[in-house]
Amino acid sequence: MSIVLWILQILLAVVFILAGAVKVARPYDELANRMPWVADYSHNAVRGIGAAEILGGIGLVLPGLLGFVPVLTVVSALGLALIMALAAWRHFRTGERGQLLFTGGLFILLIVVAWGRFSVAPF
């Protein structure tokens, strides 16, 4: 089970670090053209979401690799799951079904990681 969790953690970390980097590095107008939800939020809110995704992605793998406060992996997974739950709710309200499935899938994988690292295969 530990190997499966590590694979999930690494894949999720890559997804969230890259997604967060796009939100932090790209100009706001370009993001708004590519992602319709951005227009509903301020520049700082989008940057904050991106920063949270980057930190959460790092938190999925770094504590386990360093053996330092491994509970941070669980906290990171739950924090990112909260972001995905809020994103899924937004996509549901606006009828973006494709995005809803994607964010819902990420939510489920993050809950699996949090549960697995908390109770099944802690570091």
N, C-alpha and C. Protein backbone atom coordinates (compact mmCIF):
# COMPACT_ATOMS: atom_id res chain seq x y z
N MET A 1 0.82 -1.20 0.00
CA MET A 1 0.00 0.00 0.00
C MET A 1 0.86 1.26 0.00
N SER A 2 2.00 1.18 0.66
CA SER A 2 2.88 2.34 0.74
C SER A 2 3.37 2.76 -0.65
N ILE A 3 3.66 1.79 -1.51
CA ILE A 3 4.14 2.11 -2.86
C ILE A 3 3.03 2.81 -3.65
N VAL A 4 1.81 2.32 -3.53
CA VAL A 4 0.68 2.95 -4.22
C VAL A 4 0.50 4.38 -3.73
N LEU A 5 0.61 4.58 -2.43
CA LEU A 5 0.47 5.94 -1.88
C LEU A 5 1.58 6.85 -2.38
N TRP A 6 2.80 6.35 -2.44
CA TRP A 6 3.91 7.16 -2.95
C TRP A 6 3.67 7.56 -4.40
N ILE A 7 3.20 6.61 -5.21
CA ILE A 7 2.91 6.93 -6.62
C ILE A 7 1.84 8.01 -6.70
N LEU A 8 0.76 7.85 -5.93
CA LEU A 8 -0.30 8.86 -5.91
C LEU A 8 0.24 10.22 -5.45
N GLN A 9 1.02 10.21 -4.39
CA GLN A 9 1.56 11.46 -3.85
C GLN A 9 2.42 12.18 -4.88
N ILE A 10 3.28 11.44 -5.57
CA ILE A 10 4.16 12.06 -6.55
C ILE A 10 3.36 12.61 -7.73
N LEU A 11 2.42 11.82 -8.23
CA LEU A 11 1.60 12.29 -9.35
C LEU A 11 0.77 13.52 -8.98
N LEU A 12 0.15 13.47 -7.80
CA LEU A 12 -0.64 14.61 -7.35
C LEU A 12 0.24 15.84 -7.11
N ALA A 13 1.43 15.61 -6.58
CA ALA A 13 2.34 16.73 -6.35
C ALA A 13 2.71 17.41 -7.66
N VAL A 14 3.00 16.62 -8.68
CA VAL A 14 3.33 17.19 -9.98
C VAL A 14 2.16 17.99 -10.53
N VAL A 15 0.96 17.42 -10.45
CA VAL A 15 -0.23 18.11 -10.96
C VAL A 15 -0.43 19.44 -10.25
N PHE A 16 -0.36 19.44 -8.93
CA PHE A 16 -0.64 20.67 -8.18
C PHE A 16 0.48 21.70 -8.27
N ILE A 17 1.71 21.26 -8.31
CA ILE A 17 2.81 22.21 -8.44
C ILE A 17 2.75 22.89 -9.82
N LEU A 18 2.49 22.11 -10.86
CA LEU A 18 2.39 22.71 -12.20
C LEU A 18 1.17 23.62 -12.31
N ALA A 19 0.03 23.17 -11.81
CA ALA A 19 -1.18 23.99 -11.88
C ALA A 19 -1.01 25.28 -11.08
N GLY A 20 -0.40 25.18 -9.92
CA GLY A 20 -0.16 26.36 -9.11
C GLY A 20 0.83 27.31 -9.75
N ALA A 21 1.87 26.76 -10.38
CA ALA A 21 2.87 27.59 -11.04
C ALA A 21 2.25 28.40 -12.17
N VAL A 22 1.32 27.79 -12.90
CA VAL A 22 0.63 28.50 -13.98
C VAL A 22 -0.15 29.67 -13.40
N LYS A 23 -0.85 29.44 -12.30
CA LYS A 23 -1.66 30.51 -11.71
C LYS A 23 -0.81 31.63 -11.13
N VAL A 24 0.37 31.29 -10.66
CA VAL A 24 1.24 32.31 -10.07
C VAL A 24 2.03 33.06 -11.14
N ALA A 25 2.48 32.37 -12.19
CA ALA A 25 3.40 32.96 -13.15
C ALA A 25 2.73 33.65 -14.34
N ARG A 26 1.58 33.18 -14.77
CA ARG A 26 0.94 33.73 -15.97
C ARG A 26 0.23 35.04 -15.65
N PRO A 27 0.17 35.94 -16.62
CA PRO A 27 -0.59 37.19 -16.42
C PRO A 27 -2.08 36.89 -16.20
N TYR A 28 -2.70 37.71 -15.39
CA TYR A 28 -4.11 37.52 -15.03
C TYR A 28 -5.01 37.47 -16.26
N ASP A 29 -4.80 38.36 -17.20
CA ASP A 29 -5.65 38.39 -18.40
C ASP A 29 -5.54 37.11 -19.21
N GLU A 30 -4.34 36.58 -19.32
CA GLU A 30 -4.14 35.33 -20.05
C GLU A 30 -4.85 34.18 -19.34
N LEU A 31 -4.76 34.16 -18.00
CA LEU A 31 -5.46 33.12 -17.24
C LEU A 31 -6.96 33.23 -17.42
N ALA A 32 -7.49 34.45 -17.41
CA ALA A 32 -8.93 34.65 -17.56
C ALA A 32 -9.42 34.19 -18.93
N ASN A 33 -8.58 34.31 -19.95
CA ASN A 33 -8.96 33.83 -21.28
C ASN A 33 -8.95 32.30 -21.37
N ARG A 34 -8.05 31.67 -20.63
CA ARG A 34 -7.91 30.22 -20.69
C ARG A 34 -8.80 29.49 -19.69
N MET A 35 -9.07 30.12 -18.57
CA MET A 35 -9.86 29.49 -17.51
C MET A 35 -11.00 30.45 -17.13
N PRO A 36 -12.22 30.14 -17.52
CA PRO A 36 -13.33 31.07 -17.29
C PRO A 36 -13.55 31.45 -15.83
N TRP A 37 -13.25 30.58 -14.90
CA TRP A 37 -13.50 30.86 -13.49
C TRP A 37 -12.66 32.00 -12.96
N VAL A 38 -11.51 32.25 -13.58
CA VAL A 38 -10.58 33.28 -13.08
C VAL A 38 -11.25 34.65 -13.07
N ALA A 39 -12.09 34.92 -14.05
CA ALA A 39 -12.73 36.24 -14.14
C ALA A 39 -13.62 36.54 -12.93
N ASP A 40 -14.04 35.52 -12.20
CA ASP A 40 -14.89 35.71 -11.03
C ASP A 40 -14.10 36.03 -9.76
N TYR A 41 -12.78 36.00 -9.84
CA TYR A 41 -11.95 36.19 -8.66
C TYR A 41 -10.91 37.27 -8.90
N SER A 42 -10.42 37.86 -7.83
CA SER A 42 -9.42 38.92 -7.96
C SER A 42 -8.07 38.32 -8.33
N HIS A 43 -7.21 39.20 -8.79
CA HIS A 43 -5.84 38.81 -9.15
C HIS A 43 -5.16 38.14 -7.97
N ASN A 44 -5.28 38.75 -6.80
CA ASN A 44 -4.62 38.21 -5.60
C ASN A 44 -5.21 36.87 -5.18
N ALA A 45 -6.51 36.70 -5.34
CA ALA A 45 -7.13 35.42 -4.99
C ALA A 45 -6.61 34.30 -5.88
N VAL A 46 -6.48 34.56 -7.16
CA VAL A 46 -5.97 33.54 -8.08
C VAL A 46 -4.53 33.21 -7.75
N ARG A 47 -3.73 34.23 -7.47
CA ARG A 47 -2.33 34.00 -7.08
C ARG A 47 -2.26 33.21 -5.76
N GLY A 48 -3.16 33.53 -4.83
CA GLY A 48 -3.19 32.81 -3.55
C GLY A 48 -3.56 31.34 -3.73
N ILE A 49 -4.52 31.07 -4.61
CA ILE A 49 -4.88 29.68 -4.90
C ILE A 49 -3.68 28.96 -5.50
N GLY A 50 -3.00 29.62 -6.42
CA GLY A 50 -1.81 29.01 -7.03
C GLY A 50 -0.72 28.73 -6.01
N ALA A 51 -0.48 29.68 -5.12
CA ALA A 51 0.54 29.48 -4.08
C ALA A 51 0.15 28.33 -3.16
N ALA A 52 -1.13 28.25 -2.79
CA ALA A 52 -1.59 27.15 -1.94
C ALA A 52 -1.42 25.81 -2.63
N GLU A 53 -1.66 25.78 -3.94
CA GLU A 53 -1.48 24.53 -4.68
C GLU A 53 -0.01 24.12 -4.73
N ILE A 54 0.87 25.08 -4.92
CA ILE A 54 2.30 24.77 -4.93
C ILE A 54 2.75 24.24 -3.57
N LEU A 55 2.38 24.95 -2.51
CA LEU A 55 2.79 24.51 -1.16
C LEU A 55 2.18 23.16 -0.81
N GLY A 56 0.91 22.95 -1.19
CA GLY A 56 0.28 21.66 -0.94
C GLY A 56 0.96 20.54 -1.70
N GLY A 57 1.33 20.80 -2.95
CA GLY A 57 2.03 19.79 -3.74
C GLY A 57 3.37 19.42 -3.13
N ILE A 58 4.09 20.42 -2.66
CA ILE A 58 5.37 20.15 -1.99
C ILE A 58 5.12 19.36 -0.71
N GLY A 59 4.07 19.73 0.02
CA GLY A 59 3.75 19.06 1.27
C GLY A 59 3.31 17.62 1.10
N LEU A 60 2.91 17.23 -0.09
CA LEU A 60 2.53 15.83 -0.32
C LEU A 60 3.73 14.90 -0.31
N VAL A 61 4.92 15.40 -0.68
CA VAL A 61 6.08 14.51 -0.79
C VAL A 61 7.23 14.84 0.15
N LEU A 62 7.49 16.11 0.38
CA LEU A 62 8.69 16.49 1.13
C LEU A 62 8.74 15.95 2.56
N PRO A 63 7.66 16.03 3.35
CA PRO A 63 7.75 15.51 4.72
C PRO A 63 8.11 14.01 4.77
N GLY A 64 7.56 13.23 3.85
CA GLY A 64 7.87 11.80 3.81
C GLY A 64 9.29 11.53 3.38
N LEU A 65 9.78 12.32 2.43
CA LEU A 65 11.16 12.14 1.97
C LEU A 65 12.17 12.50 3.05
N LEU A 66 11.87 13.56 3.78
CA LEU A 66 12.80 14.03 4.81
C LEU A 66 12.59 13.35 6.16
N GLY A 67 11.43 12.70 6.32
CA GLY A 67 11.12 12.08 7.61
C GLY A 67 10.91 13.11 8.70
N PHE A 68 10.48 14.30 8.31
CA PHE A 68 10.30 15.40 9.25
C PHE A 68 8.83 15.78 9.30
N VAL A 69 8.20 15.64 10.43
CA VAL A 69 6.79 15.95 10.66
C VAL A 69 5.92 15.36 9.54
N PRO A 70 5.90 14.04 9.44
CA PRO A 70 5.17 13.40 8.34
C PRO A 70 3.66 13.67 8.33
N VAL A 71 3.11 14.12 9.44
CA VAL A 71 1.68 14.45 9.47
C VAL A 71 1.36 15.61 8.52
N LEU A 72 2.39 16.36 8.12
CA LEU A 72 2.17 17.45 7.16
C LEU A 72 1.68 16.93 5.81
N THR A 73 2.02 15.69 5.48
CA THR A 73 1.51 15.10 4.25
C THR A 73 -0.01 14.97 4.32
N VAL A 74 -0.51 14.53 5.46
CA VAL A 74 -1.96 14.41 5.66
C VAL A 74 -2.61 15.78 5.61
N VAL A 75 -2.00 16.75 6.28
CA VAL A 75 -2.54 18.12 6.31
C VAL A 75 -2.55 18.70 4.89
N SER A 76 -1.49 18.48 4.14
CA SER A 76 -1.43 18.98 2.76
C SER A 76 -2.50 18.33 1.90
N ALA A 77 -2.67 17.02 2.02
CA ALA A 77 -3.68 16.32 1.23
C ALA A 77 -5.08 16.83 1.58
N LEU A 78 -5.35 17.05 2.85
CA LEU A 78 -6.66 17.55 3.25
C LEU A 78 -6.88 19.00 2.80
N GLY A 79 -5.84 19.81 2.86
CA GLY A 79 -5.94 21.19 2.39
C GLY A 79 -6.22 21.26 0.90
N LEU A 80 -5.51 20.45 0.14
CA LEU A 80 -5.76 20.41 -1.31
C LEU A 80 -7.14 19.82 -1.60
N ALA A 81 -7.57 18.85 -0.80
CA ALA A 81 -8.91 18.28 -0.98
C ALA A 81 -9.98 19.35 -0.75
N LEU A 82 -9.75 20.23 0.21
CA LEU A 82 -10.68 21.34 0.45
C LEU A 82 -10.73 22.27 -0.76
N ILE A 83 -9.57 22.59 -1.31
CA ILE A 83 -9.53 23.43 -2.51
C ILE A 83 -10.29 22.76 -3.64
N MET A 84 -10.11 21.45 -3.82
CA MET A 84 -10.80 20.72 -4.88
C MET A 84 -12.30 20.63 -4.63
N ALA A 85 -12.70 20.50 -3.37
CA ALA A 85 -14.13 20.48 -3.06
C ALA A 85 -14.78 21.82 -3.41
N LEU A 86 -14.10 22.91 -3.08
CA LEU A 86 -14.61 24.24 -3.42
C LEU A 86 -14.64 24.45 -4.93
N ALA A 87 -13.60 23.96 -5.60
CA ALA A 87 -13.57 24.08 -7.07
C ALA A 87 -14.69 23.25 -7.70
N ALA A 88 -14.90 22.05 -7.17
CA ALA A 88 -15.98 21.19 -7.69
C ALA A 88 -17.33 21.86 -7.50
N TRP A 89 -17.53 22.48 -6.36
CA TRP A 89 -18.79 23.18 -6.10
C TRP A 89 -18.99 24.32 -7.11
N ARG A 90 -17.93 25.05 -7.37
CA ARG A 90 -18.01 26.15 -8.34
C ARG A 90 -18.33 25.61 -9.73
N HIS A 91 -17.67 24.53 -10.14
CA HIS A 91 -17.92 23.94 -11.46
C HIS A 91 -19.34 23.38 -11.54
N PHE A 92 -19.84 22.83 -10.45
CA PHE A 92 -21.21 22.32 -10.42
C PHE A 92 -22.22 23.46 -10.62
N ARG A 93 -22.00 24.57 -9.92
CA ARG A 93 -22.92 25.72 -10.02
C ARG A 93 -22.94 26.32 -11.41
N THR A 94 -21.80 26.27 -12.11
CA THR A 94 -21.73 26.89 -13.43
C THR A 94 -21.94 25.90 -14.57
N GLY A 95 -22.20 24.65 -14.24
CA GLY A 95 -22.50 23.66 -15.27
C GLY A 95 -21.30 23.15 -16.04
N GLU A 96 -20.12 23.30 -15.50
CA GLU A 96 -18.90 22.82 -16.16
C GLU A 96 -18.66 21.37 -15.76
N ARG A 97 -19.36 20.46 -16.41
CA ARG A 97 -19.35 19.04 -16.02
C ARG A 97 -17.98 18.38 -16.19
N GLY A 98 -17.27 18.71 -17.26
CA GLY A 98 -15.95 18.12 -17.47
C GLY A 98 -14.99 18.49 -16.36
N GLN A 99 -14.98 19.75 -15.99
CA GLN A 99 -14.12 20.20 -14.89
C GLN A 99 -14.56 19.62 -13.56
N LEU A 100 -15.86 19.43 -13.41
CA LEU A 100 -16.39 18.85 -12.18
C LEU A 100 -15.86 17.43 -11.99
N LEU A 101 -15.85 16.65 -13.06
CA LEU A 101 -15.33 15.27 -12.97
C LEU A 101 -13.84 15.27 -12.62
N PHE A 102 -13.08 16.17 -13.23
CA PHE A 102 -11.65 16.23 -12.98
C PHE A 102 -11.35 16.62 -11.53
N THR A 103 -11.98 17.71 -11.07
CA THR A 103 -11.72 18.15 -9.69
C THR A 103 -12.26 17.14 -8.69
N GLY A 104 -13.39 16.51 -9.01
CA GLY A 104 -13.92 15.46 -8.13
C GLY A 104 -12.98 14.28 -8.04
N GLY A 105 -12.39 13.90 -9.15
CA GLY A 105 -11.42 12.80 -9.16
C GLY A 105 -10.19 13.14 -8.33
N LEU A 106 -9.68 14.36 -8.47
CA LEU A 106 -8.53 14.78 -7.66
C LEU A 106 -8.90 14.78 -6.18
N PHE A 107 -10.11 15.23 -5.86
CA PHE A 107 -10.59 15.23 -4.48
C PHE A 107 -10.53 13.82 -3.90
N ILE A 108 -11.05 12.84 -4.64
CA ILE A 108 -11.07 11.46 -4.16
C ILE A 108 -9.65 10.94 -3.96
N LEU A 109 -8.76 11.19 -4.90
CA LEU A 109 -7.37 10.73 -4.77
C LEU A 109 -6.68 11.37 -3.56
N LEU A 110 -6.95 12.64 -3.31
CA LEU A 110 -6.36 13.31 -2.15
C LEU A 110 -6.89 12.74 -0.84
N ILE A 111 -8.16 12.40 -0.80
CA ILE A 111 -8.73 11.77 0.40
C ILE A 111 -8.10 10.40 0.62
N VAL A 112 -7.88 9.66 -0.45
CA VAL A 112 -7.21 8.35 -0.33
C VAL A 112 -5.81 8.51 0.25
N VAL A 113 -5.06 9.51 -0.22
CA VAL A 113 -3.71 9.76 0.30
C VAL A 113 -3.78 10.15 1.78
N ALA A 114 -4.68 11.05 2.14
CA ALA A 114 -4.79 11.49 3.54
C ALA A 114 -5.15 10.31 4.44
N TRP A 115 -6.14 9.53 4.02
CA TRP A 115 -6.55 8.36 4.81
C TRP A 115 -5.42 7.34 4.89
N GLY A 116 -4.78 7.08 3.76
CA GLY A 116 -3.71 6.08 3.74
C GLY A 116 -2.54 6.47 4.61
N ARG A 117 -2.13 7.70 4.55
CA ARG A 117 -0.97 8.14 5.34
C ARG A 117 -1.32 8.37 6.81
N PHE A 118 -2.59 8.56 7.10
CA PHE A 118 -2.98 8.75 8.50
C PHE A 118 -3.17 7.42 9.21
N SER A 119 -3.76 6.42 8.52
CA SER A 119 -4.13 5.20 9.24
C SER A 119 -3.57 3.92 8.65
N VAL A 120 -3.50 3.80 7.33
CA VAL A 120 -3.13 2.51 6.73
C VAL A 120 -1.62 2.32 6.65
N ALA A 121 -0.92 3.30 6.09
CA ALA A 121 0.53 3.18 5.89
C ALA A 121 1.23 4.47 6.26
N PRO A 122 1.23 4.82 7.56
CA PRO A 122 1.94 6.04 7.95
C PRO A 122 3.44 5.90 7.71
N PHE A 123 4.10 7.04 7.61
CA PHE A 123 5.56 7.02 7.39
C PHE A 123 6.26 6.45 8.57
